[in-house]
């Protein structure tokens, strides 16, 4: 199978997941770039941020038009994550590839376990508490900068459990956080010497953007828990593969 076709397929799958779940899809971008398309971990992290930024901004627009974005809450999360994202991205560029791979495997496994956890049916909306929102946002920004992922797989549960947003609002709001954090981390990596393979990144990004539009429609037809369970199983498999690779 050609590299171009692999990039298109991987991008479409990731865009679908990002549009449908508001996060989680981006966590597959890095392993897809490494194991399917031959990127190094460092190059994959930078390329992933380009893909995630463009796709998240597209998905954010589709959710905003449906009124699913809580701008004040999202702004608090995003603002708190900008500096940690920049610092973490700078640090990640200096670490061995095996360390980055193992860290990514751990984050992917954590994301999968969070997705498998059933939502609390009694969860009620809470007033926005700036300190809690800022703390959660800083952590998400650090994850984004360090590993080159959007962090939406952590943002959605945080917006639901910490701030009590309903799932649809959490999904839409997480996309604002992802977009801002990814831009900040990408800016920090812009000065590095990591090569960017645009012949792969461009079609990958285009397919992901188109997939994000379809993902929004998919979310309205398939139950959220079913989508999350399927994706969680995929993430666990990816985490196991990457952890094994890091040990060799």
Protein backbone atom coordinates (compact mmCIF):
# COMPACT_ATOMS: atom_id res chain seq x y z
CA UNK A 1 0.00 0.00 0.00
CA UNK A 2 1.41 3.41 -0.95
CA UNK A 3 2.43 5.99 1.62
CA UNK A 4 -0.11 8.46 0.23
CA UNK A 5 -2.99 6.00 0.61
CA UNK A 6 -1.91 5.11 4.14
CA UNK A 7 -1.78 8.81 5.04
CA UNK A 8 -5.28 9.36 3.66
CA UNK A 9 -6.77 6.38 5.50
CA UNK A 10 -5.09 7.22 8.82
CA UNK A 11 -6.09 10.87 8.54
CA UNK A 12 -9.72 9.99 7.83
CA UNK A 13 -9.96 7.66 10.83
CA UNK A 14 -8.39 10.20 13.17
CA UNK A 15 -10.61 13.00 11.89
CA UNK A 16 -13.72 10.86 12.40
CA UNK A 17 -12.77 10.13 15.99
CA UNK A 18 -11.88 13.74 16.74
CA UNK A 19 -15.10 15.06 15.28
CA UNK A 20 -17.25 12.44 16.99
CA UNK A 21 -15.60 12.30 20.40
CA UNK A 22 -14.03 15.76 20.74
CA UNK A 23 -10.72 14.13 21.54
CA UNK A 24 -8.95 10.84 21.50
CA UNK A 25 -8.51 10.75 17.76
CA UNK A 26 -5.35 12.79 17.93
CA UNK A 27 -3.69 10.26 20.23
CA UNK A 28 -3.58 7.87 17.26
CA UNK A 29 -1.84 10.39 14.99
CA UNK A 30 1.61 9.90 16.52
CA UNK A 31 1.65 6.07 16.38
CA UNK A 32 0.18 6.16 12.86
CA UNK A 33 2.96 8.49 11.73
CA UNK A 34 5.63 6.34 13.40
CA UNK A 35 4.51 2.80 12.55
CA UNK A 36 2.67 3.31 9.28
CA UNK A 37 4.54 6.21 7.73
CA UNK A 38 8.08 5.86 9.09
CA UNK A 39 8.41 9.09 11.10
CA UNK A 40 10.73 9.34 14.10
CA UNK A 41 8.95 10.04 17.44
CA UNK A 42 10.16 13.65 17.44
CA UNK A 43 9.07 14.28 13.85
CA UNK A 44 5.76 12.50 14.49
CA UNK A 45 5.02 14.73 17.48
CA UNK A 46 5.59 17.90 15.46
CA UNK A 47 3.62 16.64 12.45
CA UNK A 48 0.82 15.52 14.78
CA UNK A 49 0.48 19.03 16.17
CA UNK A 50 0.02 20.42 12.65
CA UNK A 51 -2.63 17.80 11.90
CA UNK A 52 -4.37 18.20 15.26
CA UNK A 53 -4.44 22.02 15.09
CA UNK A 54 -6.06 22.09 11.65
CA UNK A 55 -8.51 19.27 12.40
CA UNK A 56 -9.51 20.58 15.82
CA UNK A 57 -10.18 24.05 14.46
CA UNK A 58 -12.46 22.52 11.83
CA UNK A 59 -14.29 20.36 14.35
CA UNK A 60 -14.57 23.37 16.71
CA UNK A 61 -16.38 25.32 14.03
CA UNK A 62 -18.92 22.54 13.46
CA UNK A 63 -19.65 22.23 17.19
CA UNK A 64 -19.80 26.00 17.69
CA UNK A 65 -22.50 26.33 15.06
CA UNK A 66 -24.56 23.83 17.08
CA UNK A 67 -24.07 25.78 20.32
CA UNK A 68 -21.96 23.07 21.96
CA UNK A 69 -18.99 25.27 22.97
CA UNK A 70 -18.77 26.91 26.42
CA UNK A 71 -16.39 29.70 25.51
CA UNK A 72 -15.66 31.03 29.01
CA UNK A 73 -14.78 27.63 30.42
CA UNK A 74 -12.75 26.72 27.35
CA UNK A 75 -10.86 30.00 27.49
CA UNK A 76 -9.85 29.33 31.12
CA UNK A 77 -8.59 25.87 30.24
CA UNK A 78 -6.79 27.06 27.13
CA UNK A 79 -5.13 30.09 28.73
CA UNK A 80 -3.82 27.98 31.62
CA UNK A 81 -2.33 25.45 29.22
CA UNK A 82 -0.37 27.75 26.91
CA UNK A 83 2.82 28.17 29.00
CA UNK A 84 2.96 24.49 30.13
CA UNK A 85 2.52 23.44 26.48
CA UNK A 86 5.46 25.59 25.38
CA UNK A 87 7.72 24.44 28.23
CA UNK A 88 6.85 20.76 27.73
CA UNK A 89 7.40 20.96 23.97
CA UNK A 90 10.86 22.46 24.53
CA UNK A 91 11.73 19.72 27.03
CA UNK A 92 10.48 16.90 24.80
CA UNK A 93 12.82 17.91 22.00
CA UNK A 94 15.79 17.03 24.25
CA UNK A 95 14.68 13.58 25.44
CA UNK A 96 15.62 10.16 23.97
CA UNK A 97 13.12 8.61 21.58
CA UNK A 98 12.59 5.56 23.81
CA UNK A 99 11.48 7.82 26.67
CA UNK A 100 8.99 9.63 24.45
CA UNK A 101 7.62 6.33 23.13
CA UNK A 102 7.15 4.90 26.62
CA UNK A 103 5.52 8.11 27.86
CA UNK A 104 3.18 8.10 24.90
CA UNK A 105 2.23 4.48 25.58
CA UNK A 106 1.36 5.36 29.17
CA UNK A 107 -0.80 8.31 28.10
CA UNK A 108 -2.58 6.21 25.46
CA UNK A 109 -3.37 3.53 28.06
CA UNK A 110 -4.66 6.19 30.47
CA UNK A 111 -6.86 7.64 27.74
CA UNK A 112 -8.28 4.19 26.97
CA UNK A 113 -9.08 3.47 30.61
CA UNK A 114 -10.82 6.82 30.97
CA UNK A 115 -12.93 6.09 27.92
CA UNK A 116 -13.93 2.68 29.27
CA UNK A 117 -15.11 4.19 32.55
CA UNK A 118 -18.91 4.64 32.41
CA UNK A 119 -20.15 8.21 32.86
CA UNK A 120 -21.87 9.19 36.09
CA UNK A 121 -25.59 9.54 35.28
CA UNK A 122 -26.06 11.75 38.34
CA UNK A 123 -23.34 14.24 37.34
CA UNK A 124 -24.78 17.74 37.62
CA UNK A 125 -23.47 21.00 36.17
CA UNK A 126 -21.33 23.02 38.58
CA UNK A 127 -20.30 26.66 38.67
CA UNK A 128 -17.00 27.31 36.92
CA UNK A 129 -14.21 27.48 39.51
CA UNK A 130 -11.24 29.33 38.03
CA UNK A 131 -8.61 27.57 40.19
CA UNK A 132 -9.81 24.08 39.28
CA UNK A 133 -10.19 24.97 35.62
CA UNK A 134 -6.70 26.52 35.54
CA UNK A 135 -5.10 23.48 37.22
CA UNK A 136 -6.71 21.04 34.83
CA UNK A 137 -5.90 23.26 31.86
CA UNK A 138 -2.22 23.48 32.82
CA UNK A 139 -1.96 19.70 32.98
CA UNK A 140 -3.60 19.30 29.60
CA UNK A 141 -1.29 21.88 28.06
CA UNK A 142 1.76 20.01 29.37
CA UNK A 143 0.54 16.74 27.83
CA UNK A 144 -0.07 18.47 24.51
CA UNK A 145 3.37 20.03 24.37
CA UNK A 146 5.26 16.97 25.59
CA UNK A 147 3.71 14.32 23.35
CA UNK A 148 2.29 16.26 20.43
CA UNK A 149 -1.31 15.23 21.06
CA UNK A 150 -4.32 17.45 21.52
CA UNK A 151 -5.15 16.24 25.00
CA UNK A 152 -8.86 16.05 24.28
CA UNK A 153 -9.04 12.53 25.68
CA UNK A 154 -8.20 14.13 29.03
CA UNK A 155 -10.03 17.40 28.42
CA UNK A 156 -13.47 15.84 27.93
CA UNK A 157 -13.42 13.84 31.21
CA UNK A 158 -11.99 16.87 33.03
CA UNK A 159 -14.70 19.18 31.72
CA UNK A 160 -17.34 16.67 32.77
CA UNK A 161 -15.97 15.62 36.16
CA UNK A 162 -14.24 18.82 37.33
CA UNK A 163 -16.68 21.37 35.97
CA UNK A 164 -19.80 19.26 35.46
CA UNK A 165 -20.42 20.07 31.80
CA UNK A 166 -22.81 17.87 29.88
CA UNK A 167 -21.12 15.53 27.42
CA UNK A 168 -22.05 17.42 24.25
CA UNK A 169 -20.82 20.72 25.73
CA UNK A 170 -17.64 19.03 27.00
CA UNK A 171 -16.91 17.61 23.55
CA UNK A 172 -17.36 20.98 21.83
CA UNK A 173 -15.46 22.94 24.49
CA UNK A 174 -12.55 20.49 24.48
CA UNK A 175 -11.93 21.33 20.83
CA UNK A 176 -11.26 24.97 21.75
CA UNK A 177 -8.72 23.82 24.35
CA UNK A 178 -7.08 21.42 21.89
CA UNK A 179 -6.76 24.07 19.18
CA UNK A 180 -5.12 26.66 21.45
CA UNK A 181 -2.79 24.20 23.21
CA UNK A 182 -1.70 22.63 19.92
CA UNK A 183 -0.90 26.03 18.43
CA UNK A 184 1.20 26.95 21.48
CA UNK A 185 3.13 23.67 21.39
CA UNK A 186 3.64 23.95 17.64
CA UNK A 187 5.07 27.45 18.05
CA UNK A 188 7.56 26.10 20.60
CA UNK A 189 8.69 23.36 18.20
CA UNK A 190 8.94 25.71 15.21
CA UNK A 191 12.57 26.56 15.97
CA UNK A 192 13.78 22.96 16.09
CA UNK A 193 15.58 21.18 13.26
CA UNK A 194 12.97 18.42 12.99
CA UNK A 195 12.28 17.78 9.27
CA UNK A 196 8.68 18.06 8.10
CA UNK A 197 7.56 15.71 5.33
CA UNK A 198 4.82 17.81 3.76
CA UNK A 199 4.11 15.23 1.05
CA UNK A 200 2.71 13.05 3.85
CA UNK A 201 1.50 15.68 6.32
CA UNK A 202 -0.63 17.59 3.80
CA UNK A 203 -2.82 14.67 2.60
CA UNK A 204 -3.00 13.31 6.15
CA UNK A 205 -4.28 16.68 7.37
CA UNK A 206 -6.73 17.08 4.51
CA UNK A 207 -8.25 13.65 5.13
CA UNK A 208 -8.47 14.36 8.86
CA UNK A 209 -10.30 17.65 8.26
CA UNK A 210 -12.84 15.95 5.99
CA UNK A 211 -13.20 13.16 8.54
CA UNK A 212 -13.90 15.67 11.31
CA UNK A 213 -16.93 16.98 9.41
CA UNK A 214 -18.26 13.45 9.05
CA UNK A 215 -17.43 12.69 12.69
CA UNK A 216 -19.83 15.36 13.89
CA UNK A 217 -22.63 13.70 11.90
CA UNK A 218 -21.54 10.26 13.12
CA UNK A 219 -21.85 11.40 16.73
CA UNK A 220 -25.52 12.21 16.17
CA UNK A 221 -26.28 8.72 14.82
CA UNK A 222 -24.18 6.36 16.97
CA UNK A 223 -24.24 6.32 20.75
CA UNK A 224 -21.31 8.04 22.43
CA UNK A 225 -20.55 5.12 24.81
CA UNK A 226 -20.36 2.67 21.90
CA UNK A 227 -17.91 4.88 20.01
CA UNK A 228 -15.80 5.34 23.12
CA UNK A 229 -15.58 1.60 23.84
CA UNK A 230 -14.45 0.79 20.31
CA UNK A 231 -11.87 3.54 20.37
CA UNK A 232 -10.64 2.59 23.85
CA UNK A 233 -9.90 -0.97 22.72
CA UNK A 234 -7.91 0.39 19.78
CA UNK A 235 -5.94 2.66 22.12
CA UNK A 236 -5.07 -0.19 24.48
CA UNK A 237 -3.68 -2.18 21.56
CA UNK A 238 -1.63 0.82 20.40
CA UNK A 239 -0.33 1.42 23.94
CA UNK A 240 0.80 -2.20 24.25
CA UNK A 241 2.60 -2.02 20.89
CA UNK A 242 4.40 1.20 21.75
CA UNK A 243 5.42 0.08 25.23
CA UNK A 244 6.86 -3.14 23.80
CA UNK A 245 8.74 -1.10 21.20
CA UNK A 246 10.17 1.21 23.87
CA UNK A 247 11.63 -1.76 25.75
CA UNK A 248 13.60 -3.00 22.75
